[in-house]
């Protein structure tokens, strides 16, 4: 089985939803589907997943001026998964950091 979970997300939005709605955010492999993500969360953290929402984040185009002229590049694209757990389950992400 391939490694689907890359890293957990720590943003203000996710932290607020974590306390209110028991939602957690993860950066996942871009080819993973919702069923694979739910199974990976269940196996790694031993919790029951109620719902999985995914978002594909496109890379932004960035332009920079340098001595040699204009330099244009892109930031990396990645996939985010918002995971809602069954009531009563928790994941201790801050213990891993």
C-alpha atoms as a PDB file:
ATOM      1  CA  UNK A   1       0.000   0.000   0.000  1.00  0.00           C
ATOM      2  CA  UNK A   2       1.346   3.372  -0.933  1.00  0.00           C
ATOM      3  CA  UNK A   3       1.686   6.271   1.498  1.00  0.00           C
ATOM      4  CA  UNK A   4      -1.415   8.443   0.952  1.00  0.00           C
ATOM      5  CA  UNK A   5      -1.087  10.958   3.803  1.00  0.00           C
ATOM      6  CA  UNK A   6       1.742  13.445   3.282  1.00  0.00           C
ATOM      7  CA  UNK A   7       1.306  15.787   6.256  1.00  0.00           C
ATOM      8  CA  UNK A   8      -1.400  17.316   8.448  1.00  0.00           C
ATOM      9  CA  UNK A   9      -2.563  20.884   7.803  1.00  0.00           C
ATOM     10  CA  UNK A  10      -2.229  23.459  10.572  1.00  0.00           C
ATOM     11  CA  UNK A  11      -4.153  26.577   9.551  1.00  0.00           C
ATOM     12  CA  UNK A  12      -6.451  28.920  11.462  1.00  0.00           C
ATOM     13  CA  UNK A  13      -9.524  27.597   9.648  1.00  0.00           C
ATOM     14  CA  UNK A  14      -8.693  23.948  10.352  1.00  0.00           C
ATOM     15  CA  UNK A  15      -7.864  24.653  14.004  1.00  0.00           C
ATOM     16  CA  UNK A  16     -11.229  26.381  14.536  1.00  0.00           C
ATOM     17  CA  UNK A  17     -13.159  23.598  12.779  1.00  0.00           C
ATOM     18  CA  UNK A  18     -11.192  21.019  14.761  1.00  0.00           C
ATOM     19  CA  UNK A  19     -12.603  22.349  18.037  1.00  0.00           C
ATOM     20  CA  UNK A  20     -16.124  23.039  16.725  1.00  0.00           C
ATOM     21  CA  UNK A  21     -16.899  20.292  14.174  1.00  0.00           C
ATOM     22  CA  UNK A  22     -14.206  17.614  14.687  1.00  0.00           C
ATOM     23  CA  UNK A  23     -12.684  18.274  11.249  1.00  0.00           C
ATOM     24  CA  UNK A  24      -9.029  17.689  10.429  1.00  0.00           C
ATOM     25  CA  UNK A  25      -7.044  18.674   7.347  1.00  0.00           C
ATOM     26  CA  UNK A  26      -4.348  16.706   5.558  1.00  0.00           C
ATOM     27  CA  UNK A  27      -2.218  17.139   2.459  1.00  0.00           C
ATOM     28  CA  UNK A  28      -2.616  13.931   0.468  1.00  0.00           C
ATOM     29  CA  UNK A  29      -1.300  12.373  -2.726  1.00  0.00           C
ATOM     30  CA  UNK A  30      -3.030  13.952  -5.718  1.00  0.00           C
ATOM     31  CA  UNK A  31      -4.119  10.587  -7.147  1.00  0.00           C
ATOM     32  CA  UNK A  32      -5.833   9.378  -3.937  1.00  0.00           C
ATOM     33  CA  UNK A  33      -9.619   9.129  -3.804  1.00  0.00           C
ATOM     34  CA  UNK A  34     -11.933   9.616  -0.819  1.00  0.00           C
ATOM     35  CA  UNK A  35     -12.197   5.906  -0.017  1.00  0.00           C
ATOM     36  CA  UNK A  36      -8.413   5.478   0.090  1.00  0.00           C
ATOM     37  CA  UNK A  37      -8.029   8.599   2.249  1.00  0.00           C
ATOM     38  CA  UNK A  38     -10.643   7.379   4.753  1.00  0.00           C
ATOM     39  CA  UNK A  39      -8.974   3.963   4.954  1.00  0.00           C
ATOM     40  CA  UNK A  40      -5.528   5.543   5.500  1.00  0.00           C
ATOM     41  CA  UNK A  41      -6.864   7.758   8.327  1.00  0.00           C
ATOM     42  CA  UNK A  42      -8.599   4.784   9.935  1.00  0.00           C
ATOM     43  CA  UNK A  43      -5.458   2.614   9.760  1.00  0.00           C
ATOM     44  CA  UNK A  44      -3.018   5.265  10.980  1.00  0.00           C
ATOM     45  CA  UNK A  45      -5.026   6.925  13.770  1.00  0.00           C
ATOM     46  CA  UNK A  46      -7.510   4.149  14.705  1.00  0.00           C
ATOM     47  CA  UNK A  47     -10.599   6.410  14.413  1.00  0.00           C
ATOM     48  CA  UNK A  48     -13.920   6.202  12.559  1.00  0.00           C
ATOM     49  CA  UNK A  49     -14.207   8.571   9.582  1.00  0.00           C
ATOM     50  CA  UNK A  50     -17.661  10.037   8.985  1.00  0.00           C
ATOM     51  CA  UNK A  51     -16.959  12.164   5.883  1.00  0.00           C
ATOM     52  CA  UNK A  52     -14.114  13.163   3.540  1.00  0.00           C
ATOM     53  CA  UNK A  53     -14.061  16.308   1.386  1.00  0.00           C
ATOM     54  CA  UNK A  54     -11.210  16.907  -1.056  1.00  0.00           C
ATOM     55  CA  UNK A  55      -9.899  20.068  -2.710  1.00  0.00           C
ATOM     56  CA  UNK A  56      -7.348  20.238  -5.527  1.00  0.00           C
ATOM     57  CA  UNK A  57      -5.166  23.331  -5.015  1.00  0.00           C
ATOM     58  CA  UNK A  58      -3.706  24.670  -8.270  1.00  0.00           C
ATOM     59  CA  UNK A  59      -0.247  26.180  -8.281  1.00  0.00           C
ATOM     60  CA  UNK A  60       0.026  29.950  -8.614  1.00  0.00           C
ATOM     61  CA  UNK A  61       2.091  31.737 -11.241  1.00  0.00           C
ATOM     62  CA  UNK A  62       4.788  33.889  -9.628  1.00  0.00           C
ATOM     63  CA  UNK A  63       6.901  36.512 -11.416  1.00  0.00           C
ATOM     64  CA  UNK A  64      10.172  37.958 -10.164  1.00  0.00           C
ATOM     65  CA  UNK A  65      12.487  40.637 -11.542  1.00  0.00           C
ATOM     66  CA  UNK A  66      16.192  39.849 -11.381  1.00  0.00           C
ATOM     67  CA  UNK A  67      19.353  41.319 -12.858  1.00  0.00           C
ATOM     68  CA  UNK A  68      19.112  38.932 -15.780  1.00  0.00           C
ATOM     69  CA  UNK A  69      15.470  39.861 -16.500  1.00  0.00           C
ATOM     70  CA  UNK A  70      12.026  38.603 -15.644  1.00  0.00           C
ATOM     71  CA  UNK A  71      11.739  35.143 -14.127  1.00  0.00           C
ATOM     72  CA  UNK A  72       8.368  33.339 -14.191  1.00  0.00           C
ATOM     73  CA  UNK A  73       7.605  30.133 -12.315  1.00  0.00           C
ATOM     74  CA  UNK A  74       4.835  28.218 -10.601  1.00  0.00           C
ATOM     75  CA  UNK A  75       4.244  27.068  -7.056  1.00  0.00           C
ATOM     76  CA  UNK A  76       3.483  23.403  -6.514  1.00  0.00           C
ATOM     77  CA  UNK A  77      -0.033  22.018  -6.843  1.00  0.00           C
ATOM     78  CA  UNK A  78      -1.365  19.703  -4.150  1.00  0.00           C
ATOM     79  CA  UNK A  79      -4.514  18.024  -2.877  1.00  0.00           C
ATOM     80  CA  UNK A  80      -6.100  18.719   0.510  1.00  0.00           C
ATOM     81  CA  UNK A  81      -8.499  16.433   2.350  1.00  0.00           C
ATOM     82  CA  UNK A  82     -10.870  17.653   5.064  1.00  0.00           C
ATOM     83  CA  UNK A  83     -11.790  14.688   7.254  1.00  0.00           C
ATOM     84  CA  UNK A  84     -14.761  14.696   9.644  1.00  0.00           C
ATOM     85  CA  UNK A  85     -14.638  12.126  12.425  1.00  0.00           C
ATOM     86  CA  UNK A  86     -17.420  10.285  14.218  1.00  0.00           C
ATOM     87  CA  UNK A  87     -18.563  12.000  17.425  1.00  0.00           C
ATOM     88  CA  UNK A  88     -16.267  11.126  20.307  1.00  0.00           C
ATOM     89  CA  UNK A  89     -13.158  10.342  18.209  1.00  0.00           C
ATOM     90  CA  UNK A  90     -10.083  12.573  18.303  1.00  0.00           C
ATOM     91  CA  UNK A  91      -6.682  12.718  16.632  1.00  0.00           C
ATOM     92  CA  UNK A  92      -3.711  14.100  18.581  1.00  0.00           C
ATOM     93  CA  UNK A  93      -1.820  15.838  15.758  1.00  0.00           C
ATOM     94  CA  UNK A  94       0.107  18.174  18.047  1.00  0.00           C
ATOM     95  CA  UNK A  95       1.747  15.241  19.797  1.00  0.00           C
ATOM     96  CA  UNK A  96       3.379  14.240  16.480  1.00  0.00           C
ATOM     97  CA  UNK A  97       4.869  17.671  15.790  1.00  0.00           C
END
